[in-house]
Amino acid sequence: MPAEKGKTRITIRIDDHILEWFRRQVHGQGGGNYQTLINLALRQHIAREDDVLAETLRRVLREEMATYKVSRTSRPARTRRKRAA
């Protein structure tokens, strides 16, 4: 059977107990495909990792912006010099 569009058929080695866990999950849900469940788990992991990265970037930017604002406001104001005409 050819793979669906957007999917690639591969050979992968997975620990026996991991594969059995996914098969039990599918069986407990009344049927389905354990490979689809593994794919879903991988998608969720990637999304979670992306969320962690995004939150880290937000935190760093907030910290840097706070530092920038403090350093900008703590400097004495410069007065403009008038040009001699």
N, C-alpha and C. Protein backbone atom coordinates (compact mmCIF):
# COMPACT_ATOMS: atom_id res chain seq x y z
N MET A 1 0.85 -1.18 0.00
CA MET A 1 0.00 0.00 0.00
C MET A 1 0.89 1.24 0.00
N PRO A 2 0.70 2.16 -0.95
CA PRO A 2 1.53 3.36 -0.98
C PRO A 2 1.21 4.30 0.18
N ALA A 3 2.22 5.04 0.60
CA ALA A 3 2.04 6.00 1.70
C ALA A 3 1.17 7.15 1.24
N GLU A 4 0.40 7.70 2.20
CA GLU A 4 -0.42 8.87 1.90
C GLU A 4 0.46 10.04 1.51
N LYS A 5 -0.11 10.99 0.77
CA LYS A 5 0.63 12.19 0.40
C LYS A 5 1.03 12.93 1.68
N GLY A 6 2.29 13.36 1.73
CA GLY A 6 2.79 14.07 2.90
C GLY A 6 3.34 13.14 3.98
N LYS A 7 3.36 11.84 3.70
CA LYS A 7 3.90 10.87 4.65
C LYS A 7 4.97 10.05 3.95
N THR A 8 5.95 9.63 4.74
CA THR A 8 7.05 8.83 4.21
C THR A 8 7.13 7.53 4.98
N ARG A 9 7.24 6.46 4.25
CA ARG A 9 7.38 5.14 4.89
C ARG A 9 8.84 4.97 5.29
N ILE A 10 9.07 4.63 6.57
CA ILE A 10 10.43 4.43 7.07
C ILE A 10 10.48 3.16 7.90
N THR A 11 11.68 2.73 8.16
CA THR A 11 11.91 1.65 9.12
C THR A 11 12.57 2.29 10.33
N ILE A 12 12.03 2.02 11.51
CA ILE A 12 12.54 2.64 12.72
C ILE A 12 12.60 1.58 13.82
N ARG A 13 13.59 1.66 14.66
CA ARG A 13 13.70 0.74 15.79
C ARG A 13 13.20 1.46 17.04
N ILE A 14 12.18 0.87 17.66
CA ILE A 14 11.57 1.42 18.87
C ILE A 14 11.64 0.35 19.95
N ASP A 15 11.91 0.76 21.17
CA ASP A 15 11.94 -0.20 22.27
C ASP A 15 10.62 -0.96 22.33
N ASP A 16 10.71 -2.25 22.64
CA ASP A 16 9.52 -3.09 22.68
C ASP A 16 8.45 -2.55 23.63
N HIS A 17 8.87 -2.10 24.81
CA HIS A 17 7.87 -1.64 25.78
C HIS A 17 7.19 -0.35 25.32
N ILE A 18 7.88 0.48 24.53
CA ILE A 18 7.27 1.70 23.98
C ILE A 18 6.20 1.32 22.95
N LEU A 19 6.56 0.43 22.06
CA LEU A 19 5.62 -0.02 21.03
C LEU A 19 4.40 -0.69 21.65
N GLU A 20 4.62 -1.52 22.65
CA GLU A 20 3.51 -2.18 23.33
C GLU A 20 2.60 -1.18 24.03
N TRP A 21 3.18 -0.12 24.60
CA TRP A 21 2.38 0.91 25.26
C TRP A 21 1.43 1.57 24.25
N PHE A 22 1.96 1.93 23.08
CA PHE A 22 1.11 2.55 22.06
C PHE A 22 0.04 1.58 21.57
N ARG A 23 0.40 0.33 21.40
CA ARG A 23 -0.61 -0.66 20.97
C ARG A 23 -1.71 -0.83 22.02
N ARG A 24 -1.33 -0.84 23.31
CA ARG A 24 -2.33 -0.93 24.38
C ARG A 24 -3.25 0.29 24.38
N GLN A 25 -2.68 1.46 24.13
CA GLN A 25 -3.49 2.67 24.09
C GLN A 25 -4.55 2.58 22.99
N VAL A 26 -4.13 2.15 21.82
CA VAL A 26 -5.06 2.02 20.69
C VAL A 26 -6.11 0.98 21.01
N HIS A 27 -5.69 -0.15 21.56
CA HIS A 27 -6.64 -1.21 21.90
C HIS A 27 -7.64 -0.71 22.95
N GLY A 28 -7.15 0.04 23.93
CA GLY A 28 -8.02 0.57 24.99
C GLY A 28 -9.03 1.58 24.46
N GLN A 29 -8.70 2.21 23.35
CA GLN A 29 -9.61 3.19 22.74
C GLN A 29 -10.59 2.53 21.77
N GLY A 30 -10.52 1.22 21.69
CA GLY A 30 -11.45 0.50 20.81
C GLY A 30 -10.95 0.30 19.40
N GLY A 31 -9.68 0.51 19.19
CA GLY A 31 -9.12 0.27 17.86
C GLY A 31 -8.50 1.51 17.27
N GLY A 32 -7.88 1.32 16.15
CA GLY A 32 -7.20 2.41 15.48
C GLY A 32 -5.82 1.97 15.04
N ASN A 33 -4.96 2.90 14.84
CA ASN A 33 -3.64 2.61 14.32
C ASN A 33 -2.59 3.17 15.29
N TYR A 34 -1.76 2.30 15.81
CA TYR A 34 -0.74 2.73 16.77
C TYR A 34 0.26 3.68 16.11
N GLN A 35 0.48 3.54 14.81
CA GLN A 35 1.41 4.43 14.13
C GLN A 35 0.88 5.87 14.11
N THR A 36 -0.43 6.00 13.93
CA THR A 36 -1.05 7.32 13.97
C THR A 36 -0.89 7.92 15.36
N LEU A 37 -1.03 7.10 16.39
CA LEU A 37 -0.87 7.58 17.76
C LEU A 37 0.57 8.01 18.03
N ILE A 38 1.54 7.27 17.52
CA ILE A 38 2.95 7.66 17.66
C ILE A 38 3.18 8.99 16.95
N ASN A 39 2.62 9.14 15.76
CA ASN A 39 2.77 10.39 15.00
C ASN A 39 2.19 11.56 15.78
N LEU A 40 1.02 11.36 16.39
CA LEU A 40 0.39 12.40 17.19
C LEU A 40 1.27 12.77 18.39
N ALA A 41 1.83 11.77 19.05
CA ALA A 41 2.70 12.02 20.20
C ALA A 41 3.93 12.83 19.78
N LEU A 42 4.48 12.53 18.63
CA LEU A 42 5.65 13.27 18.13
C LEU A 42 5.26 14.71 17.79
N ARG A 43 4.09 14.89 17.19
CA ARG A 43 3.62 16.26 16.88
C ARG A 43 3.45 17.08 18.16
N GLN A 44 2.85 16.46 19.19
CA GLN A 44 2.64 17.15 20.46
C GLN A 44 3.98 17.53 21.10
N HIS A 45 4.94 16.63 21.02
CA HIS A 45 6.26 16.90 21.57
C HIS A 45 6.90 18.10 20.87
N ILE A 46 6.82 18.12 19.55
CA ILE A 46 7.40 19.22 18.78
C ILE A 46 6.71 20.53 19.14
N ALA A 47 5.39 20.52 19.25
CA ALA A 47 4.64 21.73 19.60
C ALA A 47 5.05 22.22 20.99
N ARG A 48 5.21 21.31 21.92
CA ARG A 48 5.62 21.67 23.28
C ARG A 48 7.03 22.28 23.26
N GLU A 49 7.93 21.70 22.49
CA GLU A 49 9.28 22.23 22.38
C GLU A 49 9.26 23.62 21.75
N ASP A 50 8.41 23.82 20.74
CA ASP A 50 8.28 25.13 20.12
C ASP A 50 7.75 26.15 21.13
N ASP A 51 6.80 25.72 21.97
CA ASP A 51 6.26 26.61 23.00
C ASP A 51 7.33 27.00 24.01
N VAL A 52 8.17 26.05 24.38
CA VAL A 52 9.25 26.33 25.34
C VAL A 52 10.22 27.34 24.73
N LEU A 53 10.56 27.15 23.47
CA LEU A 53 11.46 28.07 22.80
C LEU A 53 10.84 29.46 22.72
N ALA A 54 9.57 29.53 22.33
CA ALA A 54 8.90 30.83 22.23
C ALA A 54 8.85 31.53 23.58
N GLU A 55 8.54 30.80 24.64
CA GLU A 55 8.48 31.40 25.97
C GLU A 55 9.87 31.87 26.42
N THR A 56 10.90 31.11 26.11
CA THR A 56 12.26 31.51 26.45
C THR A 56 12.63 32.80 25.72
N LEU A 57 12.29 32.88 24.44
CA LEU A 57 12.58 34.10 23.69
C LEU A 57 11.83 35.29 24.27
N ARG A 58 10.57 35.10 24.64
CA ARG A 58 9.79 36.19 25.24
C ARG A 58 10.45 36.67 26.54
N ARG A 59 10.87 35.71 27.38
CA ARG A 59 11.48 36.05 28.66
C ARG A 59 12.77 36.83 28.44
N VAL A 60 13.61 36.36 27.54
CA VAL A 60 14.88 37.04 27.27
C VAL A 60 14.62 38.45 26.73
N LEU A 61 13.67 38.58 25.82
CA LEU A 61 13.36 39.91 25.28
C LEU A 61 12.84 40.85 26.36
N ARG A 62 11.97 40.34 27.24
CA ARG A 62 11.47 41.17 28.34
C ARG A 62 12.62 41.64 29.22
N GLU A 63 13.52 40.72 29.55
CA GLU A 63 14.67 41.07 30.39
C GLU A 63 15.57 42.09 29.71
N GLU A 64 15.83 41.89 28.43
CA GLU A 64 16.69 42.81 27.71
C GLU A 64 16.03 44.18 27.55
N MET A 65 14.75 44.20 27.27
CA MET A 65 14.04 45.48 27.13
C MET A 65 14.03 46.22 28.46
N ALA A 66 13.85 45.51 29.56
CA ALA A 66 13.88 46.15 30.88
C ALA A 66 15.25 46.76 31.13
N THR A 67 16.31 46.06 30.79
CA THR A 67 17.67 46.57 30.95
C THR A 67 17.88 47.80 30.08
N TYR A 68 17.39 47.74 28.85
CA TYR A 68 17.54 48.85 27.92
C TYR A 68 16.81 50.07 28.45
N LYS A 69 15.58 49.90 28.93
CA LYS A 69 14.80 51.02 29.45
C LYS A 69 15.49 51.64 30.66
N VAL A 70 16.02 50.83 31.54
CA VAL A 70 16.70 51.34 32.74
C VAL A 70 17.93 52.12 32.33
N SER A 71 18.72 51.59 31.43
CA SER A 71 19.96 52.27 31.04
C SER A 71 19.64 53.54 30.26
N ARG A 72 18.57 53.56 29.49
CA ARG A 72 18.20 54.75 28.72
C ARG A 72 17.69 55.85 29.65
N THR A 73 16.92 55.50 30.68
CA THR A 73 16.35 56.52 31.56
C THR A 73 17.33 56.98 32.61
N SER A 74 18.38 56.22 32.87
CA SER A 74 19.33 56.61 33.91
C SER A 74 20.40 57.56 33.38
N ARG A 75 20.49 57.74 32.07
CA ARG A 75 21.46 58.66 31.50
C ARG A 75 20.96 60.09 31.64
N PRO A 76 21.88 61.01 31.86
CA PRO A 76 21.44 62.41 31.90
C PRO A 76 20.99 62.85 30.51
N ALA A 77 20.00 63.68 30.49
CA ALA A 77 19.48 64.16 29.20
C ALA A 77 20.51 65.07 28.56
N ARG A 78 20.70 64.90 27.28
CA ARG A 78 21.62 65.76 26.55
C ARG A 78 20.86 66.96 26.01
N THR A 79 21.50 68.08 26.06
CA THR A 79 20.86 69.26 25.49
C THR A 79 21.36 69.43 24.08
N ARG A 80 20.51 69.94 23.24
CA ARG A 80 20.91 70.17 21.86
C ARG A 80 21.75 71.45 21.77
N ARG A 81 22.75 71.36 20.99
CA ARG A 81 23.57 72.55 20.74
C ARG A 81 23.00 73.28 19.54
N LYS A 82 22.93 74.57 19.68
CA LYS A 82 22.45 75.37 18.55
C LYS A 82 23.59 75.55 17.58
N ARG A 83 23.25 75.42 16.32
CA ARG A 83 24.27 75.62 15.27
C ARG A 83 24.54 77.13 15.11
N ALA A 84 25.76 77.42 14.95
CA ALA A 84 26.10 78.81 14.68
C ALA A 84 25.78 79.09 13.23
N ALA A 85 25.06 80.12 12.99
CA ALA A 85 24.65 80.45 11.62
C ALA A 85 25.70 81.23 10.89
